Structures are given as C-alpha cells and as structure tokens.
Amino acid sequence: MQGDYVLDDLDMKIWDDGGHLMGQAAGQPAFELFHQAGLAPSRTEARKLIRGGGGRLNDQPIASDSVLIKASDLGSDGTLKLSAGRKRHVLVRAA
C-alpha cells in the first residue's frame, strides 16, 4: 500500500496513492491517509496528530481524525497537500 516517494525542489514528499483515493467513492479517513503517506508511524499516532491540531489538509486544519478525504479534495493538478506540523508536508497524487 505504500507509494513511491520523490523529493521535489520544495523539499516536500510526493506520494502516489496507488489509486486508493480515487478508488473509494466514500473517501478515506484522514488518519489512514496520514499514516499511508508516512506522516505518522502508526494509525494511532496519526489520530493523535490530527486531534492535537497538527494535521492539515490543503493548509486548512482538519477538524476530526475521522474526516473523510475524498477525490473532491484534490486540486486542479490532481494533488492534495497533507501537513504534519509546520515542517513535514506530503503532496498526494491520485493515480
């Protein structure tokens, strides 16, 4: 389930989700996507990160760890930005 990571010039990781985000009509829980993208070592840690206010989706705070991230959250370039704190960022590209 882990995607390939590539560093770009902004020092962000770009993660190809392997079609998981687009393949689920209902979306994917925020904590799950944070874990899969490598921003948290476990699903529990991802939940704690989001509950503590450190998780952001497209630079907006995530209200709850159970929020569903859907294909509609993708930008016009087919990516979305996940942030853990101020310094760790991942661009998720739907495959």
N, C-alpha and C. Protein backbone atom coordinates (compact mmCIF):
# COMPACT_ATOMS: atom_id res chain seq x y z
N MET A 1 0.80 -1.19 0.00
CA MET A 1 0.00 0.00 0.00
C MET A 1 0.86 1.26 0.00
N GLN A 2 2.11 1.18 0.41
CA GLN A 2 2.95 2.36 0.43
C GLN A 2 3.30 2.75 -1.01
N GLY A 3 3.28 4.05 -1.26
CA GLY A 3 3.62 4.56 -2.58
C GLY A 3 5.10 4.88 -2.65
N ASP A 4 5.55 5.31 -3.83
CA ASP A 4 6.93 5.72 -4.01
C ASP A 4 7.07 7.18 -3.62
N TYR A 5 8.19 7.52 -3.00
CA TYR A 5 8.44 8.89 -2.57
C TYR A 5 9.49 9.52 -3.47
N VAL A 6 9.27 10.76 -3.82
CA VAL A 6 10.21 11.52 -4.61
C VAL A 6 10.27 12.92 -4.01
N LEU A 7 11.46 13.42 -3.75
CA LEU A 7 11.58 14.78 -3.23
C LEU A 7 11.63 15.76 -4.40
N ASP A 8 10.85 16.82 -4.29
CA ASP A 8 10.89 17.85 -5.32
C ASP A 8 11.68 19.05 -4.79
N ASP A 9 11.73 20.13 -5.54
CA ASP A 9 12.54 21.28 -5.17
C ASP A 9 12.00 22.02 -3.94
N LEU A 10 10.80 21.77 -3.49
CA LEU A 10 10.25 22.39 -2.30
C LEU A 10 10.51 21.56 -1.05
N ASP A 11 11.26 20.48 -1.19
CA ASP A 11 11.56 19.58 -0.09
C ASP A 11 10.28 18.98 0.49
N MET A 12 9.33 18.71 -0.38
CA MET A 12 8.11 18.00 0.01
C MET A 12 8.18 16.61 -0.60
N LYS A 13 7.59 15.68 0.08
CA LYS A 13 7.47 14.35 -0.49
C LYS A 13 6.24 14.31 -1.38
N ILE A 14 6.37 13.62 -2.50
CA ILE A 14 5.22 13.41 -3.38
C ILE A 14 4.90 11.92 -3.30
N TRP A 15 3.68 11.62 -2.93
CA TRP A 15 3.29 10.23 -2.74
C TRP A 15 2.18 9.87 -3.70
N ASP A 16 2.42 8.85 -4.49
CA ASP A 16 1.40 8.32 -5.39
C ASP A 16 0.59 7.32 -4.60
N ASP A 17 -0.69 7.58 -4.44
CA ASP A 17 -1.51 6.75 -3.55
C ASP A 17 -1.90 5.40 -4.13
N GLY A 18 -1.45 5.08 -5.32
CA GLY A 18 -1.73 3.78 -5.91
C GLY A 18 -3.19 3.59 -6.28
N GLY A 19 -3.92 4.67 -6.43
CA GLY A 19 -5.32 4.59 -6.83
C GLY A 19 -6.30 4.41 -5.69
N HIS A 20 -5.82 4.41 -4.45
CA HIS A 20 -6.71 4.17 -3.32
C HIS A 20 -7.72 5.30 -3.11
N LEU A 21 -7.27 6.54 -3.26
CA LEU A 21 -8.17 7.67 -3.01
C LEU A 21 -9.26 7.73 -4.07
N MET A 22 -8.88 7.57 -5.32
CA MET A 22 -9.86 7.63 -6.41
C MET A 22 -10.72 6.38 -6.44
N GLY A 23 -10.20 5.28 -5.91
CA GLY A 23 -10.92 4.02 -5.97
C GLY A 23 -12.00 3.87 -4.91
N GLN A 24 -12.07 4.78 -3.96
CA GLN A 24 -13.05 4.69 -2.88
C GLN A 24 -14.02 5.86 -3.00
N ALA A 25 -15.21 5.59 -3.41
CA ALA A 25 -16.21 6.65 -3.62
C ALA A 25 -16.50 7.40 -2.33
N ALA A 26 -16.51 6.72 -1.20
CA ALA A 26 -16.83 7.35 0.08
C ALA A 26 -15.67 8.16 0.62
N GLY A 27 -14.47 7.93 0.12
CA GLY A 27 -13.29 8.62 0.62
C GLY A 27 -12.49 7.75 1.56
N GLN A 28 -11.45 8.35 2.12
CA GLN A 28 -10.56 7.63 3.01
C GLN A 28 -10.39 8.45 4.29
N PRO A 29 -10.44 7.82 5.46
CA PRO A 29 -10.28 8.58 6.70
C PRO A 29 -8.94 9.32 6.72
N ALA A 30 -8.96 10.53 7.26
CA ALA A 30 -7.76 11.37 7.30
C ALA A 30 -6.60 10.65 8.00
N PHE A 31 -6.87 10.00 9.12
CA PHE A 31 -5.80 9.35 9.86
C PHE A 31 -5.14 8.26 9.04
N GLU A 32 -5.92 7.55 8.24
CA GLU A 32 -5.40 6.48 7.40
C GLU A 32 -4.46 7.04 6.33
N LEU A 33 -4.88 8.12 5.70
CA LEU A 33 -4.06 8.72 4.65
C LEU A 33 -2.77 9.30 5.23
N PHE A 34 -2.82 9.90 6.42
CA PHE A 34 -1.62 10.42 7.06
C PHE A 34 -0.63 9.28 7.34
N HIS A 35 -1.15 8.15 7.79
CA HIS A 35 -0.28 7.00 8.06
C HIS A 35 0.31 6.46 6.76
N GLN A 36 -0.51 6.26 5.75
CA GLN A 36 -0.04 5.71 4.48
C GLN A 36 0.98 6.61 3.79
N ALA A 37 0.83 7.91 3.96
CA ALA A 37 1.75 8.86 3.33
C ALA A 37 3.05 9.02 4.11
N GLY A 38 3.17 8.36 5.26
CA GLY A 38 4.40 8.40 6.02
C GLY A 38 4.52 9.57 6.98
N LEU A 39 3.43 10.28 7.24
CA LEU A 39 3.47 11.40 8.17
C LEU A 39 3.29 10.98 9.62
N ALA A 40 2.90 9.74 9.84
CA ALA A 40 2.76 9.20 11.19
C ALA A 40 3.18 7.72 11.16
N PRO A 41 3.90 7.28 12.19
CA PRO A 41 4.37 5.89 12.19
C PRO A 41 3.27 4.85 12.38
N SER A 42 2.13 5.27 12.90
CA SER A 42 1.03 4.33 13.11
C SER A 42 -0.29 5.08 12.94
N ARG A 43 -1.36 4.33 12.82
CA ARG A 43 -2.69 4.95 12.71
C ARG A 43 -3.06 5.69 14.00
N THR A 44 -2.66 5.13 15.13
CA THR A 44 -2.93 5.76 16.42
C THR A 44 -2.20 7.10 16.52
N GLU A 45 -0.94 7.13 16.10
CA GLU A 45 -0.18 8.38 16.13
C GLU A 45 -0.77 9.40 15.16
N ALA A 46 -1.29 8.93 14.04
CA ALA A 46 -1.94 9.84 13.08
C ALA A 46 -3.19 10.45 13.71
N ARG A 47 -3.95 9.64 14.42
CA ARG A 47 -5.14 10.16 15.11
C ARG A 47 -4.75 11.22 16.14
N LYS A 48 -3.70 10.95 16.91
CA LYS A 48 -3.25 11.90 17.93
C LYS A 48 -2.78 13.20 17.29
N LEU A 49 -2.08 13.10 16.19
CA LEU A 49 -1.60 14.28 15.48
C LEU A 49 -2.76 15.17 15.05
N ILE A 50 -3.78 14.56 14.47
CA ILE A 50 -4.93 15.32 13.98
C ILE A 50 -5.74 15.89 15.14
N ARG A 51 -5.97 15.07 16.17
CA ARG A 51 -6.73 15.55 17.34
C ARG A 51 -6.01 16.70 18.05
N GLY A 52 -4.69 16.70 18.00
CA GLY A 52 -3.91 17.75 18.63
C GLY A 52 -3.79 19.01 17.80
N GLY A 53 -4.40 19.02 16.63
CA GLY A 53 -4.40 20.21 15.79
C GLY A 53 -3.21 20.31 14.85
N GLY A 54 -2.38 19.27 14.78
CA GLY A 54 -1.20 19.31 13.93
C GLY A 54 -1.40 18.82 12.51
N GLY A 55 -2.59 18.30 12.20
CA GLY A 55 -2.86 17.79 10.86
C GLY A 55 -3.60 18.80 10.01
N ARG A 56 -3.11 19.00 8.79
CA ARG A 56 -3.76 19.94 7.87
C ARG A 56 -3.95 19.30 6.51
N LEU A 57 -5.03 19.67 5.88
CA LEU A 57 -5.34 19.25 4.51
C LEU A 57 -5.43 20.51 3.67
N ASN A 58 -4.58 20.61 2.67
CA ASN A 58 -4.53 21.80 1.80
C ASN A 58 -4.44 23.08 2.64
N ASP A 59 -3.57 23.05 3.64
CA ASP A 59 -3.28 24.19 4.53
C ASP A 59 -4.44 24.59 5.43
N GLN A 60 -5.46 23.76 5.56
CA GLN A 60 -6.58 24.02 6.45
C GLN A 60 -6.58 22.96 7.56
N PRO A 61 -6.79 23.35 8.81
CA PRO A 61 -6.82 22.37 9.90
C PRO A 61 -7.91 21.31 9.67
N ILE A 62 -7.60 20.09 10.04
CA ILE A 62 -8.57 19.01 9.92
C ILE A 62 -9.32 18.94 11.25
N ALA A 63 -10.64 19.04 11.17
CA ALA A 63 -11.48 19.14 12.37
C ALA A 63 -11.50 17.85 13.19
N SER A 64 -11.44 16.71 12.53
CA SER A 64 -11.57 15.44 13.23
C SER A 64 -10.75 14.38 12.51
N ASP A 65 -10.24 13.41 13.27
CA ASP A 65 -9.44 12.35 12.64
C ASP A 65 -10.28 11.43 11.76
N SER A 66 -11.59 11.48 11.92
CA SER A 66 -12.46 10.62 11.11
C SER A 66 -12.99 11.30 9.86
N VAL A 67 -12.56 12.54 9.61
CA VAL A 67 -12.97 13.23 8.38
C VAL A 67 -12.55 12.39 7.19
N LEU A 68 -13.45 12.27 6.21
CA LEU A 68 -13.13 11.52 5.00
C LEU A 68 -12.51 12.44 3.97
N ILE A 69 -11.34 12.03 3.48
CA ILE A 69 -10.69 12.77 2.40
C ILE A 69 -11.12 12.11 1.11
N LYS A 70 -11.70 12.92 0.24
CA LYS A 70 -12.31 12.40 -0.99
C LYS A 70 -11.59 12.94 -2.22
N ALA A 71 -11.92 12.38 -3.35
CA ALA A 71 -11.36 12.84 -4.62
C ALA A 71 -11.71 14.31 -4.86
N SER A 72 -12.81 14.78 -4.30
CA SER A 72 -13.21 16.18 -4.47
C SER A 72 -12.26 17.13 -3.74
N ASP A 73 -11.43 16.61 -2.84
CA ASP A 73 -10.44 17.44 -2.14
C ASP A 73 -9.19 17.68 -2.98
N LEU A 74 -9.07 16.96 -4.08
CA LEU A 74 -7.92 17.14 -4.96
C LEU A 74 -8.00 18.49 -5.66
N GLY A 75 -6.83 19.09 -5.86
CA GLY A 75 -6.77 20.35 -6.59
C GLY A 75 -6.88 20.12 -8.09
N SER A 76 -6.80 21.18 -8.85
CA SER A 76 -6.92 21.07 -10.31
C SER A 76 -5.76 20.28 -10.92
N ASP A 77 -4.64 20.20 -10.19
CA ASP A 77 -3.50 19.44 -10.69
C ASP A 77 -3.53 17.97 -10.25
N GLY A 78 -4.60 17.56 -9.58
CA GLY A 78 -4.76 16.16 -9.17
C GLY A 78 -4.01 15.81 -7.90
N THR A 79 -3.61 16.82 -7.11
CA THR A 79 -2.90 16.54 -5.87
C THR A 79 -3.61 17.20 -4.69
N LEU A 80 -3.27 16.73 -3.50
CA LEU A 80 -3.69 17.41 -2.28
C LEU A 80 -2.50 17.44 -1.36
N LYS A 81 -2.47 18.41 -0.48
CA LYS A 81 -1.34 18.61 0.42
C LYS A 81 -1.73 18.21 1.84
N LEU A 82 -0.97 17.30 2.42
CA LEU A 82 -1.12 16.92 3.81
C LEU A 82 0.06 17.49 4.58
N SER A 83 -0.19 18.06 5.73
CA SER A 83 0.87 18.62 6.55
C SER A 83 0.76 18.09 7.97
N ALA A 84 1.91 17.74 8.53
CA ALA A 84 2.01 17.32 9.92
C ALA A 84 2.90 18.34 10.61
N GLY A 85 2.30 19.24 11.34
CA GLY A 85 3.07 20.32 11.95
C GLY A 85 3.46 21.34 10.90
N ARG A 86 4.54 22.06 11.18
CA ARG A 86 4.95 23.14 10.28
C ARG A 86 5.97 22.73 9.24
N LYS A 87 6.65 21.60 9.47
CA LYS A 87 7.79 21.29 8.61
C LYS A 87 7.66 20.03 7.77
N ARG A 88 6.66 19.21 8.05
CA ARG A 88 6.53 17.96 7.29
C ARG A 88 5.30 18.04 6.39
N HIS A 89 5.55 17.90 5.10
CA HIS A 89 4.48 18.03 4.12
C HIS A 89 4.58 16.91 3.08
N VAL A 90 3.42 16.47 2.61
CA VAL A 90 3.38 15.47 1.55
C VAL A 90 2.34 15.92 0.54
N LEU A 91 2.71 15.89 -0.72
CA LEU A 91 1.74 16.09 -1.79
C LEU A 91 1.27 14.71 -2.21
N VAL A 92 -0.03 14.47 -2.14
CA VAL A 92 -0.59 13.18 -2.52
C VAL A 92 -1.14 13.34 -3.92
N ARG A 93 -0.66 12.49 -4.80
CA ARG A 93 -1.12 12.49 -6.19
C ARG A 93 -1.96 11.24 -6.41
N ALA A 94 -3.20 11.45 -6.80
CA ALA A 94 -4.07 10.31 -7.07
C ALA A 94 -3.65 9.67 -8.40
N ALA A 95 -3.49 8.37 -8.38
CA ALA A 95 -3.06 7.66 -9.59
C ALA A 95 -4.25 7.21 -10.40
